[in-house]
Protein backbone atom coordinates (compact mmCIF):
# COMPACT_ATOMS: atom_id res chain seq x y z
CA UNK A 1 0.00 0.00 0.00
CA UNK A 2 2.91 2.36 0.68
CA UNK A 3 4.14 1.93 -2.91
CA UNK A 4 1.02 3.72 -4.17
CA UNK A 5 2.26 6.91 -2.54
CA UNK A 6 5.24 6.70 -4.90
CA UNK A 7 3.63 5.29 -8.06
CA UNK A 8 0.69 7.71 -8.29
CA UNK A 9 2.86 10.87 -8.37
CA UNK A 10 5.25 9.24 -10.84
CA UNK A 11 2.29 8.32 -13.05
CA UNK A 12 0.96 11.86 -12.88
CA UNK A 13 4.36 13.25 -13.85
CA UNK A 14 4.48 10.94 -16.88
CA UNK A 15 0.92 11.92 -17.84
CA UNK A 16 1.76 15.62 -17.57
CA UNK A 17 4.87 15.07 -19.71
CA UNK A 18 2.88 13.23 -22.39
CA UNK A 19 0.26 15.98 -22.51
CA UNK A 20 2.98 18.64 -22.72
CA UNK A 21 4.65 16.80 -25.65
CA UNK A 22 1.32 16.47 -27.45
CA UNK A 23 0.55 20.16 -27.06
CA UNK A 24 4.06 21.09 -28.20
CA UNK A 25 3.69 18.94 -31.32
CA UNK A 26 0.34 20.52 -32.16
CA UNK A 27 1.62 24.07 -31.66
CA UNK A 28 4.76 23.51 -33.70
CA UNK A 29 2.73 22.31 -36.70
CA UNK A 30 3.60 18.63 -36.69
CA UNK A 31 0.01 17.68 -37.57
CA UNK A 32 -0.76 20.45 -40.08
CA UNK A 33 -0.40 18.54 -43.36
CA UNK A 34 -0.79 14.79 -43.03
CA UNK A 35 -1.49 14.02 -46.71
CA UNK A 36 1.04 16.26 -48.44
CA UNK A 37 4.17 14.16 -47.95
CA UNK A 38 2.31 11.02 -49.01
CA UNK A 39 1.22 12.59 -52.29
CA UNK A 40 4.61 14.23 -52.85
CA UNK A 41 6.17 10.77 -53.15
CA UNK A 42 3.77 9.89 -55.96
CA UNK A 43 4.20 13.14 -57.91
CA UNK A 44 6.33 12.97 -61.04
CA UNK A 45 8.32 16.16 -60.76
CA UNK A 46 11.12 17.10 -63.09
CA UNK A 47 14.04 17.26 -60.73
CA UNK A 48 16.80 19.48 -62.14
CA UNK A 49 19.40 17.63 -60.09
CA UNK A 50 18.93 14.51 -62.21
CA UNK A 51 21.00 14.69 -65.41
CA UNK A 52 18.90 14.36 -68.53
CA UNK A 53 19.79 12.16 -71.47
CA UNK A 54 19.54 14.14 -74.69
CA UNK A 55 20.14 11.95 -77.73
CA UNK A 56 20.53 14.90 -80.13
CA UNK A 57 23.67 15.99 -78.26
CA UNK A 58 25.17 12.51 -78.50
CA UNK A 59 24.28 12.17 -82.19
CA UNK A 60 25.81 15.59 -82.84
CA UNK A 61 29.04 14.51 -81.19
CA UNK A 62 29.10 11.26 -83.14
CA UNK A 63 28.53 13.00 -86.43
CA UNK A 64 31.38 15.41 -85.66
CA UNK A 65 33.70 12.56 -84.84
CA UNK A 66 32.62 10.64 -87.93
CA UNK A 67 33.35 13.70 -90.04
CA UNK A 68 36.82 14.00 -88.55
CA UNK A 69 37.51 10.34 -89.24
CA UNK A 70 36.28 10.73 -92.80
CA UNK A 71 38.63 13.66 -93.33
CA UNK A 72 41.68 11.63 -92.31
PDB file of N, CA and C in Angstrom:
ATOM      1  N   UNK A   1       0.822  -1.197   0.000  1.00  0.00           N
ATOM      2  CA  UNK A   1       0.000   0.000   0.000  1.00  0.00           C
ATOM      3  C   UNK A   1       0.865   1.259   0.000  1.00  0.00           C
ATOM      4  N   UNK A   2       2.022   1.205   0.625  1.00  0.00           N
ATOM      5  CA  UNK A   2       2.907   2.362   0.676  1.00  0.00           C
ATOM      6  C   UNK A   2       3.486   2.697  -0.690  1.00  0.00           C
ATOM      7  N   UNK A   3       3.579   1.678  -1.584  1.00  0.00           N
ATOM      8  CA  UNK A   3       4.145   1.926  -2.905  1.00  0.00           C
ATOM      9  C   UNK A   3       3.242   2.836  -3.727  1.00  0.00           C
ATOM     10  N   UNK A   4       1.944   2.847  -3.435  1.00  0.00           N
ATOM     11  CA  UNK A   4       1.022   3.718  -4.170  1.00  0.00           C
ATOM     12  C   UNK A   4       1.345   5.190  -3.954  1.00  0.00           C
ATOM     13  N   UNK A   5       1.876   5.520  -2.803  1.00  0.00           N
ATOM     14  CA  UNK A   5       2.255   6.913  -2.541  1.00  0.00           C
ATOM     15  C   UNK A   5       3.400   7.355  -3.454  1.00  0.00           C
ATOM     16  N   UNK A   6       4.146   6.407  -3.975  1.00  0.00           N
ATOM     17  CA  UNK A   6       5.238   6.700  -4.903  1.00  0.00           C
ATOM     18  C   UNK A   6       4.783   6.585  -6.363  1.00  0.00           C
ATOM     19  N   UNK A   7       3.995   5.548  -6.670  1.00  0.00           N
ATOM     20  CA  UNK A   7       3.627   5.290  -8.056  1.00  0.00           C
ATOM     21  C   UNK A   7       2.618   6.297  -8.607  1.00  0.00           C
ATOM     22  N   UNK A   8       1.694   6.757  -7.806  1.00  0.00           N
ATOM     23  CA  UNK A   8       0.689   7.710  -8.293  1.00  0.00           C
ATOM     24  C   UNK A   8       1.337   9.035  -8.692  1.00  0.00           C
ATOM     25  N   UNK A   9       2.207   9.643  -7.891  1.00  0.00           N
ATOM     26  CA  UNK A   9       2.862  10.874  -8.367  1.00  0.00           C
ATOM     27  C   UNK A   9       3.746  10.660  -9.593  1.00  0.00           C
ATOM     28  N   UNK A  10       4.429   9.525  -9.662  1.00  0.00           N
ATOM     29  CA  UNK A  10       5.254   9.237 -10.842  1.00  0.00           C
ATOM     30  C   UNK A  10       4.368   9.108 -12.075  1.00  0.00           C
ATOM     31  N   UNK A  11       3.226   8.448 -11.936  1.00  0.00           N
ATOM     32  CA  UNK A  11       2.288   8.320 -13.054  1.00  0.00           C
ATOM     33  C   UNK A  11       1.738   9.663 -13.491  1.00  0.00           C
ATOM     34  N   UNK A  12       1.461  10.529 -12.543  1.00  0.00           N
ATOM     35  CA  UNK A  12       0.960  11.862 -12.877  1.00  0.00           C
ATOM     36  C   UNK A  12       2.030  12.702 -13.581  1.00  0.00           C
ATOM     37  N   UNK A  13       3.270  12.542 -13.177  1.00  0.00           N
ATOM     38  CA  UNK A  13       4.361  13.251 -13.855  1.00  0.00           C
ATOM     39  C   UNK A  13       4.489  12.775 -15.306  1.00  0.00           C
ATOM     40  N   UNK A  14       4.424  11.466 -15.523  1.00  0.00           N
ATOM     41  CA  UNK A  14       4.485  10.937 -16.884  1.00  0.00           C
ATOM     42  C   UNK A  14       3.288  11.402 -17.712  1.00  0.00           C
ATOM     43  N   UNK A  15       2.111  11.442 -17.143  1.00  0.00           N
ATOM     44  CA  UNK A  15       0.923  11.917 -17.838  1.00  0.00           C
ATOM     45  C   UNK A  15       1.069  13.396 -18.219  1.00  0.00           C
ATOM     46  N   UNK A  16       1.558  14.199 -17.289  1.00  0.00           N
ATOM     47  CA  UNK A  16       1.761  15.622 -17.572  1.00  0.00           C
ATOM     48  C   UNK A  16       2.805  15.800 -18.677  1.00  0.00           C
ATOM     49  N   UNK A  17       3.846  15.001 -18.672  1.00  0.00           N
ATOM     50  CA  UNK A  17       4.868  15.073 -19.715  1.00  0.00           C
ATOM     51  C   UNK A  17       4.315  14.677 -21.079  1.00  0.00           C
ATOM     52  N   UNK A  18       3.478  13.649 -21.120  1.00  0.00           N
ATOM     53  CA  UNK A  18       2.885  13.225 -22.386  1.00  0.00           C
ATOM     54  C   UNK A  18       1.939  14.295 -22.937  1.00  0.00           C
ATOM     55  N   UNK A  19       1.160  14.912 -22.071  1.00  0.00           N
ATOM     56  CA  UNK A  19       0.260  15.983 -22.512  1.00  0.00           C
ATOM     57  C   UNK A  19       1.066  17.182 -23.002  1.00  0.00           C
ATOM     58  N   UNK A  20       2.134  17.518 -22.295  1.00  0.00           N
ATOM     59  CA  UNK A  20       2.979  18.635 -22.725  1.00  0.00           C
ATOM     60  C   UNK A  20       3.588  18.369 -24.101  1.00  0.00           C
ATOM     61  N   UNK A  21       4.081  17.141 -24.346  1.00  0.00           N
ATOM     62  CA  UNK A  21       4.652  16.798 -25.649  1.00  0.00           C
ATOM     63  C   UNK A  21       3.602  16.848 -26.753  1.00  0.00           C
ATOM     64  N   UNK A  22       2.391  16.413 -26.461  1.00  0.00           N
ATOM     65  CA  UNK A  22       1.323  16.465 -27.445  1.00  0.00           C
ATOM     66  C   UNK A  22       0.984  17.910 -27.804  1.00  0.00           C
ATOM     67  N   UNK A  23       0.858  18.760 -26.809  1.00  0.00           N
ATOM     68  CA  UNK A  23       0.554  20.162 -27.056  1.00  0.00           C
ATOM     69  C   UNK A  23       1.694  20.858 -27.810  1.00  0.00           C
ATOM     70  N   UNK A  24       2.917  20.528 -27.479  1.00  0.00           N
ATOM     71  CA  UNK A  24       4.062  21.095 -28.197  1.00  0.00           C
ATOM     72  C   UNK A  24       4.028  20.689 -29.670  1.00  0.00           C
ATOM     73  N   UNK A  25       3.732  19.424 -29.947  1.00  0.00           N
ATOM     74  CA  UNK A  25       3.694  18.942 -31.325  1.00  0.00           C
ATOM     75  C   UNK A  25       2.581  19.639 -32.112  1.00  0.00           C
ATOM     76  N   UNK A  26       1.445  19.845 -31.489  1.00  0.00           N
ATOM     77  CA  UNK A  26       0.336  20.517 -32.162  1.00  0.00           C
ATOM     78  C   UNK A  26       0.691  21.975 -32.443  1.00  0.00           C
ATOM     79  N   UNK A  27       1.267  22.661 -31.483  1.00  0.00           N
ATOM     80  CA  UNK A  27       1.617  24.072 -31.657  1.00  0.00           C
ATOM     81  C   UNK A  27       2.734  24.285 -32.669  1.00  0.00           C
ATOM     82  N   UNK A  28       3.643  23.344 -32.774  1.00  0.00           N
ATOM     83  CA  UNK A  28       4.764  23.513 -33.700  1.00  0.00           C
ATOM     84  C   UNK A  28       4.409  23.097 -35.123  1.00  0.00           C
ATOM     85  N   UNK A  29       3.186  22.622 -35.343  1.00  0.00           N
ATOM     86  CA  UNK A  29       2.734  22.314 -36.696  1.00  0.00           C
ATOM     87  C   UNK A  29       3.044  20.913 -37.171  1.00  0.00           C
ATOM     88  N   UNK A  30       3.284  19.989 -36.292  1.00  0.00           N
ATOM     89  CA  UNK A  30       3.600  18.626 -36.695  1.00  0.00           C
ATOM     90  C   UNK A  30       2.414  17.923 -37.356  1.00  0.00           C
ATOM     91  N   UNK A  31       1.207  18.339 -37.054  1.00  0.00           N
ATOM     92  CA  UNK A  31       0.011  17.680 -37.565  1.00  0.00           C
ATOM     93  C   UNK A  31      -0.721  18.546 -38.586  1.00  0.00           C
ATOM     94  N   UNK A  32      -0.078  19.556 -39.151  1.00  0.00           N
ATOM     95  CA  UNK A  32      -0.763  20.451 -40.080  1.00  0.00           C
ATOM     96  C   UNK A  32      -1.119  19.762 -41.390  1.00  0.00           C
ATOM     97  N   UNK A  33      -0.162  19.141 -42.043  1.00  0.00           N
ATOM     98  CA  UNK A  33      -0.397  18.540 -43.356  1.00  0.00           C
ATOM     99  C   UNK A  33      -0.035  17.063 -43.287  1.00  0.00           C
ATOM    100  N   UNK A  34      -1.044  16.224 -43.137  1.00  0.00           N
ATOM    101  CA  UNK A  34      -0.786  14.792 -43.029  1.00  0.00           C
ATOM    102  C   UNK A  34      -0.745  14.109 -44.396  1.00  0.00           C
ATOM    103  N   UNK A  35      -1.403  14.674 -45.404  1.00  0.00           N
ATOM    104  CA  UNK A  35      -1.487  14.020 -46.707  1.00  0.00           C
ATOM    105  C   UNK A  35      -0.441  14.517 -47.697  1.00  0.00           C
ATOM    106  N   UNK A  36       0.096  15.690 -47.487  1.00  0.00           N
ATOM    107  CA  UNK A  36       1.039  16.263 -48.439  1.00  0.00           C
ATOM    108  C   UNK A  36       2.263  15.416 -48.708  1.00  0.00           C
ATOM    109  N   UNK A  37       2.991  14.980 -47.684  1.00  0.00           N
ATOM    110  CA  UNK A  37       4.174  14.161 -47.950  1.00  0.00           C
ATOM    111  C   UNK A  37       3.850  12.836 -48.637  1.00  0.00           C
ATOM    112  N   UNK A  38       2.676  12.271 -48.359  1.00  0.00           N
ATOM    113  CA  UNK A  38       2.306  11.015 -49.007  1.00  0.00           C
ATOM    114  C   UNK A  38       2.079  11.218 -50.495  1.00  0.00           C
ATOM    115  N   UNK A  39       1.451  12.324 -50.873  1.00  0.00           N
ATOM    116  CA  UNK A  39       1.222  12.594 -52.289  1.00  0.00           C
ATOM    117  C   UNK A  39       2.486  13.080 -52.980  1.00  0.00           C
ATOM    118  N   UNK A  40       3.370  13.721 -52.269  1.00  0.00           N
ATOM    119  CA  UNK A  40       4.607  14.227 -52.854  1.00  0.00           C
ATOM    120  C   UNK A  40       5.478  13.080 -53.359  1.00  0.00           C
ATOM    121  N   UNK A  41       5.394  11.928 -52.715  1.00  0.00           N
ATOM    122  CA  UNK A  41       6.168  10.773 -53.154  1.00  0.00           C
ATOM    123  C   UNK A  41       5.668  10.293 -54.513  1.00  0.00           C
ATOM    124  N   UNK A  42       4.354  10.400 -54.734  1.00  0.00           N
ATOM    125  CA  UNK A  42       3.767   9.892 -55.960  1.00  0.00           C
ATOM    126  C   UNK A  42       3.854  10.875 -57.128  1.00  0.00           C
ATOM    127  N   UNK A  43       4.135  12.130 -56.857  1.00  0.00           N
ATOM    128  CA  UNK A  43       4.198  13.136 -57.912  1.00  0.00           C
ATOM    129  C   UNK A  43       5.412  12.887 -58.800  1.00  0.00           C
ATOM    130  N   UNK A  44       5.235  13.125 -60.093  1.00  0.00           N
ATOM    131  CA  UNK A  44       6.335  12.966 -61.036  1.00  0.00           C
ATOM    132  C   UNK A  44       6.860  14.348 -61.375  1.00  0.00           C
ATOM    133  N   UNK A  45       7.754  14.840 -60.553  1.00  0.00           N
ATOM    134  CA  UNK A  45       8.323  16.162 -60.756  1.00  0.00           C
ATOM    135  C   UNK A  45       9.608  16.042 -61.559  1.00  0.00           C
ATOM    136  N   UNK A  46       9.853  17.046 -62.376  1.00  0.00           N
ATOM    137  CA  UNK A  46      11.120  17.103 -63.094  1.00  0.00           C
ATOM    138  C   UNK A  46      12.151  17.684 -62.146  1.00  0.00           C
ATOM    139  N   UNK A  47      13.031  16.839 -61.683  1.00  0.00           N
ATOM    140  CA  UNK A  47      14.043  17.257 -60.727  1.00  0.00           C
ATOM    141  C   UNK A  47      15.275  17.730 -61.500  1.00  0.00           C
ATOM    142  N   UNK A  48      15.648  18.993 -61.374  1.00  0.00           N
ATOM    143  CA  UNK A  48      16.797  19.477 -62.145  1.00  0.00           C
ATOM    144  C   UNK A  48      18.123  18.878 -61.696  1.00  0.00           C
ATOM    145  N   UNK A  49      18.146  18.223 -60.553  1.00  0.00           N
ATOM    146  CA  UNK A  49      19.402  17.630 -60.088  1.00  0.00           C
ATOM    147  C   UNK A  49      19.718  16.346 -60.833  1.00  0.00           C
ATOM    148  N   UNK A  50      18.713  15.749 -61.483  1.00  0.00           N
ATOM    149  CA  UNK A  50      18.933  14.510 -62.212  1.00  0.00           C
ATOM    150  C   UNK A  50      19.404  14.861 -63.624  1.00  0.00           C
ATOM    151  N   UNK A  51      20.543  14.363 -64.055  1.00  0.00           N
ATOM    152  CA  UNK A  51      21.004  14.692 -65.410  1.00  0.00           C
ATOM    153  C   UNK A  51      20.078  14.068 -66.446  1.00  0.00           C
ATOM    154  N   UNK A  52      19.805  14.834 -67.490  1.00  0.00           N
ATOM    155  CA  UNK A  52      18.903  14.355 -68.532  1.00  0.00           C
ATOM    156  C   UNK A  52      19.710  13.784 -69.687  1.00  0.00           C
ATOM    157  N   UNK A  53      19.176  12.755 -70.292  1.00  0.00           N
ATOM    158  CA  UNK A  53      19.789  12.156 -71.468  1.00  0.00           C
ATOM    159  C   UNK A  53      19.184  12.813 -72.692  1.00  0.00           C
ATOM    160  N   UNK A  54      20.006  13.467 -73.480  1.00  0.00           N
ATOM    161  CA  UNK A  54      19.542  14.139 -74.685  1.00  0.00           C
ATOM    162  C   UNK A  54      20.228  13.484 -75.879  1.00  0.00           C
ATOM    163  N   UNK A  55      19.497  12.678 -76.628  1.00  0.00           N
ATOM    164  CA  UNK A  55      20.139  11.949 -77.732  1.00  0.00           C
ATOM    165  C   UNK A  55      20.641  12.851 -78.846  1.00  0.00           C
ATOM    166  N   UNK A  56      20.056  14.026 -79.058  1.00  0.00           N
ATOM    167  CA  UNK A  56      20.530  14.898 -80.131  1.00  0.00           C
ATOM    168  C   UNK A  56      21.938  15.410 -79.853  1.00  0.00           C
ATOM    169  N   UNK A  57      22.303  15.569 -78.586  1.00  0.00           N
ATOM    170  CA  UNK A  57      23.665  15.990 -78.262  1.00  0.00           C
ATOM    171  C   UNK A  57      24.654  14.871 -78.577  1.00  0.00           C
ATOM    172  N   UNK A  58      24.276  13.636 -78.238  1.00  0.00           N
ATOM    173  CA  UNK A  58      25.170  12.514 -78.502  1.00  0.00           C
ATOM    174  C   UNK A  58      25.299  12.259 -80.002  1.00  0.00           C
ATOM    175  N   UNK A  59      24.195  12.379 -80.749  1.00  0.00           N
ATOM    176  CA  UNK A  59      24.284  12.168 -82.193  1.00  0.00           C
ATOM    177  C   UNK A  59      25.103  13.269 -82.846  1.00  0.00           C
ATOM    178  N   UNK A  60      25.018  14.475 -82.321  1.00  0.00           N
ATOM    179  CA  UNK A  60      25.812  15.593 -82.841  1.00  0.00           C
ATOM    180  C   UNK A  60      27.299  15.315 -82.636  1.00  0.00           C
ATOM    181  N   UNK A  61      27.640  14.805 -81.465  1.00  0.00           N
ATOM    182  CA  UNK A  61      29.045  14.506 -81.193  1.00  0.00           C
ATOM    183  C   UNK A  61      29.541  13.374 -82.080  1.00  0.00           C
ATOM    184  N   UNK A  62      28.693  12.373 -82.303  1.00  0.00           N
ATOM    185  CA  UNK A  62      29.099  11.256 -83.144  1.00  0.00           C
ATOM    186  C   UNK A  62      29.292  11.722 -84.582  1.00  0.00           C
ATOM    187  N   UNK A  63      28.393  12.546 -85.054  1.00  0.00           N
ATOM    188  CA  UNK A  63      28.530  13.003 -86.433  1.00  0.00           C
ATOM    189  C   UNK A  63      29.791  13.849 -86.598  1.00  0.00           C
ATOM    190  N   UNK A  64      30.137  14.648 -85.594  1.00  0.00           N
ATOM    191  CA  UNK A  64      31.376  15.414 -85.659  1.00  0.00           C
ATOM    192  C   UNK A  64      32.587  14.510 -85.690  1.00  0.00           C
ATOM    193  N   UNK A  65      32.569  13.471 -84.862  1.00  0.00           N
ATOM    194  CA  UNK A  65      33.703  12.558 -84.836  1.00  0.00           C
ATOM    195  C   UNK A  65      33.770  11.729 -86.113  1.00  0.00           C
ATOM    196  N   UNK A  66      32.616  11.389 -86.685  1.00  0.00           N
ATOM    197  CA  UNK A  66      32.616  10.642 -87.925  1.00  0.00           C
ATOM    198  C   UNK A  66      33.156  11.499 -89.057  1.00  0.00           C
ATOM    199  N   UNK A  67      32.835  12.810 -89.021  1.00  0.00           N
ATOM    200  CA  UNK A  67      33.348  13.705 -90.043  1.00  0.00           C
ATOM    201  C   UNK A  67      34.860  13.825 -89.949  1.00  0.00           C
ATOM    202  N   UNK A  68      35.372  13.895 -88.737  1.00  0.00           N
ATOM    203  CA  UNK A  68      36.820  14.003 -88.553  1.00  0.00           C
ATOM    204  C   UNK A  68      37.511  12.739 -89.038  1.00  0.00           C
ATOM    205  N   UNK A  69      36.897  11.578 -88.773  1.00  0.00           N
ATOM    206  CA  UNK A  69      37.511  10.341 -89.236  1.00  0.00           C
ATOM    207  C   UNK A  69      37.450  10.229 -90.752  1.00  0.00           C
ATOM    208  N   UNK A  70      36.387  10.757 -91.341  1.00  0.00           N
ATOM    209  CA  UNK A  70      36.285  10.731 -92.802  1.00  0.00           C
ATOM    210  C   UNK A  70      37.285  11.648 -93.469  1.00  0.00           C
ATOM    211  N   UNK A  71      37.669  12.711 -92.778  1.00  0.00           N
ATOM    212  CA  UNK A  71      38.633  13.661 -93.327  1.00  0.00           C
ATOM    213  C   UNK A  71      40.040  13.099 -93.344  1.00  0.00           C
ATOM    214  N   UNK A  72      40.311  12.153 -92.457  1.00  0.00           N
ATOM    215  CA  UNK A  72      41.679  11.627 -92.314  1.00  0.00           C
ATOM    216  C   UNK A  72      42.019  10.652 -93.368  1.00  0.00           C
TER     217      UNK A  72
END
